[in-house]
Protein backbone atom coordinates (compact mmCIF):
# COMPACT_ATOMS: atom_id res chain seq x y z
CA UNK A 1 -3.00 -1.90 19.86
CA UNK A 2 -2.01 1.72 19.32
CA UNK A 3 -4.58 4.25 18.08
CA UNK A 4 -3.78 7.64 16.56
CA UNK A 5 -6.27 10.36 15.67
CA UNK A 6 -5.79 13.57 13.71
CA UNK A 7 -3.16 12.37 11.20
CA UNK A 8 -5.62 11.55 8.42
CA UNK A 9 -8.97 12.91 7.36
CA UNK A 10 -11.72 11.44 5.23
CA UNK A 11 -13.78 14.14 3.56
CA UNK A 12 -12.29 16.61 6.04
CA UNK A 13 -13.27 14.58 9.13
CA UNK A 14 -10.53 13.12 11.33
CA UNK A 15 -10.32 9.33 11.49
CA UNK A 16 -8.59 6.98 13.92
CA UNK A 17 -5.68 4.87 12.68
CA UNK A 18 -5.15 1.54 14.43
CA UNK A 19 -1.88 -0.34 14.56
CA UNK A 20 1.79 0.33 15.01
CA UNK A 21 3.29 3.32 13.25
CA UNK A 22 6.07 2.40 10.83
CA UNK A 23 8.87 4.91 10.32
CA UNK A 24 11.91 5.27 8.08
CA UNK A 25 14.70 3.09 9.45
CA UNK A 26 12.37 0.46 10.92
CA UNK A 27 12.61 -3.15 9.80
CA UNK A 28 9.53 -3.61 7.62
CA UNK A 29 6.99 -5.70 9.51
CA UNK A 30 5.90 -8.92 7.86
CA UNK A 31 2.21 -9.36 7.08
CA UNK A 32 -0.05 -11.87 5.36
CA UNK A 33 -2.54 -10.80 2.70
CA UNK A 34 -4.46 -12.64 -0.01
CA UNK A 35 -3.71 -12.54 -3.74
CA UNK A 36 -6.29 -12.43 -6.54
CA UNK A 37 -6.49 -16.25 -6.50
CA UNK A 38 -7.27 -16.33 -2.74
CA UNK A 39 -3.80 -17.61 -1.86
CA UNK A 40 -2.02 -16.20 1.20
CA UNK A 41 1.03 -14.05 0.48
CA UNK A 42 3.64 -13.14 3.08
CA UNK A 43 5.42 -9.84 2.54
CA UNK A 44 8.66 -11.60 3.48
CA UNK A 45 8.44 -13.50 0.16
CA UNK A 46 9.50 -10.24 -1.56
CA UNK A 47 12.70 -9.92 0.48
CA UNK A 48 15.67 -9.16 -1.76
CA UNK A 49 13.66 -6.80 -3.96
CA UNK A 50 12.93 -3.13 -3.53
CA UNK A 51 9.25 -3.01 -2.62
CA UNK A 52 6.77 -0.19 -2.99
CA UNK A 53 3.70 -0.80 -0.85
CA UNK A 54 0.82 1.48 -1.78
CA UNK A 55 -2.06 1.26 0.68
CA UNK A 56 -5.36 2.47 -0.76
CA UNK A 57 -8.94 2.56 0.56
CA UNK A 58 -10.57 0.93 -2.52
CA UNK A 59 -9.57 0.41 -6.14
CA UNK A 60 -13.12 1.26 -7.18
CA UNK A 61 -12.67 4.91 -6.26
CA UNK A 62 -11.28 7.57 -8.59
CA UNK A 63 -8.16 8.50 -6.63
CA UNK A 64 -7.18 4.89 -5.87
CA UNK A 65 -7.71 3.96 -9.50
CA UNK A 66 -5.59 6.89 -10.68
CA UNK A 67 -2.83 6.07 -8.17
CA UNK A 68 -2.66 2.38 -9.07
CA UNK A 69 -2.65 3.11 -12.81
CA UNK A 70 0.17 5.62 -12.29
CA UNK A 71 2.32 3.16 -10.36
CA UNK A 72 1.54 0.52 -13.01
CA UNK A 73 2.80 2.83 -15.77
CA UNK A 74 5.96 3.65 -13.78
CA UNK A 75 6.71 0.00 -12.98
CA UNK A 76 8.31 -0.89 -16.33
CA UNK A 77 10.98 1.80 -15.98
CA UNK A 78 11.93 0.65 -12.48
CA UNK A 79 13.27 -2.76 -13.50
CA UNK A 80 12.87 -6.35 -12.39
CA UNK A 81 14.38 -5.75 -8.93
CA UNK A 82 11.39 -3.60 -7.94
CA UNK A 83 7.95 -4.87 -7.01
CA UNK A 84 4.95 -2.59 -6.56
CA UNK A 85 2.22 -3.88 -4.27
CA UNK A 86 -1.14 -2.20 -3.92
CA UNK A 87 -2.93 -3.32 -0.76
CA UNK A 88 -6.59 -2.61 -0.03
CA UNK A 89 -9.52 -4.11 1.83
CA UNK A 90 -11.20 -4.90 -1.50
CA UNK A 91 -12.11 -8.54 -1.98
CA UNK A 92 -9.68 -10.44 -4.24
CA UNK A 93 -12.44 -10.96 -6.82
CA UNK A 94 -13.01 -7.21 -7.06
CA UNK A 95 -9.26 -6.56 -7.36
CA UNK A 96 -8.92 -9.11 -10.17
CA UNK A 97 -11.93 -7.64 -12.01
CA UNK A 98 -10.61 -4.10 -11.58
CA UNK A 99 -7.10 -4.99 -12.83
CA UNK A 100 -8.55 -6.68 -15.91
CA UNK A 101 -10.78 -3.73 -16.73
CA UNK A 102 -8.02 -1.18 -16.05
CA UNK A 103 -5.27 -3.06 -17.89
CA UNK A 104 -3.12 -3.10 -14.76
CA UNK A 105 -0.58 -5.88 -15.19
CA UNK A 106 2.60 -4.75 -13.43
CA UNK A 107 1.28 -3.81 -10.00
CA UNK A 108 0.46 -6.73 -7.70
CA UNK A 109 -2.88 -6.16 -5.98
CA UNK A 110 -3.32 -7.80 -2.59
CA UNK A 111 -6.31 -7.95 -0.26
CA UNK A 112 -6.08 -7.30 3.49
CA UNK A 113 -9.78 -8.07 4.02
CA UNK A 114 -9.36 -11.22 6.11
CA UNK A 115 -7.29 -10.16 9.10
CA UNK A 116 -6.21 -6.57 8.45
CA UNK A 117 -2.68 -7.96 8.93
CA UNK A 118 -1.05 -5.24 6.83
CA UNK A 119 -3.24 -2.41 8.15
CA UNK A 120 -2.44 -3.25 11.76
CA UNK A 121 1.27 -3.97 11.16
CA UNK A 122 1.76 -0.61 9.39
CA UNK A 123 -0.69 1.47 11.43
CA UNK A 124 -2.95 2.43 8.53
CA UNK A 125 -6.20 0.63 9.43
CA UNK A 126 -9.03 3.16 9.76
CA UNK A 127 -11.06 2.18 12.81
CA UNK A 128 -14.30 3.89 11.81
CA UNK A 129 -14.71 2.24 8.38
CA UNK A 130 -12.24 -0.72 8.35
CA UNK A 131 -10.48 0.56 5.26
CA UNK A 132 -6.82 1.40 4.79
CA UNK A 133 -5.53 4.96 4.87
CA UNK A 134 -3.70 6.08 1.75
CA UNK A 135 0.01 5.58 2.34
CA UNK A 136 3.18 4.67 0.47
CA UNK A 137 6.08 2.71 1.94
CA UNK A 138 9.33 1.95 0.14
CA UNK A 139 11.30 -0.98 1.55
CA UNK A 140 14.89 -1.73 0.55
CA UNK A 141 16.27 -5.13 -0.43
CA UNK A 142 17.49 -5.45 3.15
CA UNK A 143 13.96 -5.22 4.55
CA UNK A 144 14.41 -1.75 6.02
CA UNK A 145 11.81 0.97 5.43
CA UNK A 146 13.43 3.78 3.43
CA UNK A 147 10.43 6.03 2.66
CA UNK A 148 7.03 6.63 4.28
CA UNK A 149 4.20 8.89 3.20
CA UNK A 150 0.92 8.93 5.07
CA UNK A 151 -1.37 11.02 2.87
CA UNK A 152 -3.24 13.43 5.18
CA UNK A 153 -6.55 13.38 3.24
CA UNK A 154 -7.89 10.13 1.77
CA UNK A 155 -9.15 11.96 -1.31
CA UNK A 156 -5.67 13.15 -2.32
CA UNK A 157 -2.98 11.37 -4.32
CA UNK A 158 0.45 10.60 -2.85
CA UNK A 159 3.67 12.34 -3.86
CA UNK A 160 4.65 10.01 -6.71
CA UNK A 161 7.89 11.83 -7.47
CA UNK A 162 9.19 11.49 -3.89
CA UNK A 163 8.29 7.79 -3.68
CA UNK A 164 9.84 7.03 -7.08
CA UNK A 165 12.98 8.99 -6.17
CA UNK A 166 13.32 6.83 -3.05
CA UNK A 167 13.02 3.71 -5.23
CA UNK A 168 15.62 4.97 -7.69
CA UNK A 169 18.08 5.64 -4.86
CA UNK A 170 17.81 1.96 -3.93
CA UNK A 171 18.26 0.53 -7.46
């Protein structure tokens, strides 16, 4: 399994990302995560929709909360052909609790805690802490990756405007 160091920092310290790097133009790798009801979900089940995959370290942190709320508020304007998935290592119970408390009802939260299937497939698993690096992937209806942002510092938000522009180009 590939390891890359120096692309992402956590509190200013470099971390090691494990897994295969995904780039624009690649076919989006499939992965299996768990939904809030502990049911397995394959990414391939979203084929035919434009998908935004937002990887976050934990919904219970300020930046991840802000990011997920922002994507939730943007979701309505994007239409029914767009799905926004937020993937973290949080347990499904914690994700469900957080969504209820935050009023998040348009973003689908998914847990990668079991096998790190997403983290490894997209190269965003942080070796040192077994969390996901903050990243945004936009995948077209055809299953091809059209936008990638790996946020260089975990404590920073992604470029929402660039990710949303990529979505709008596909809808």
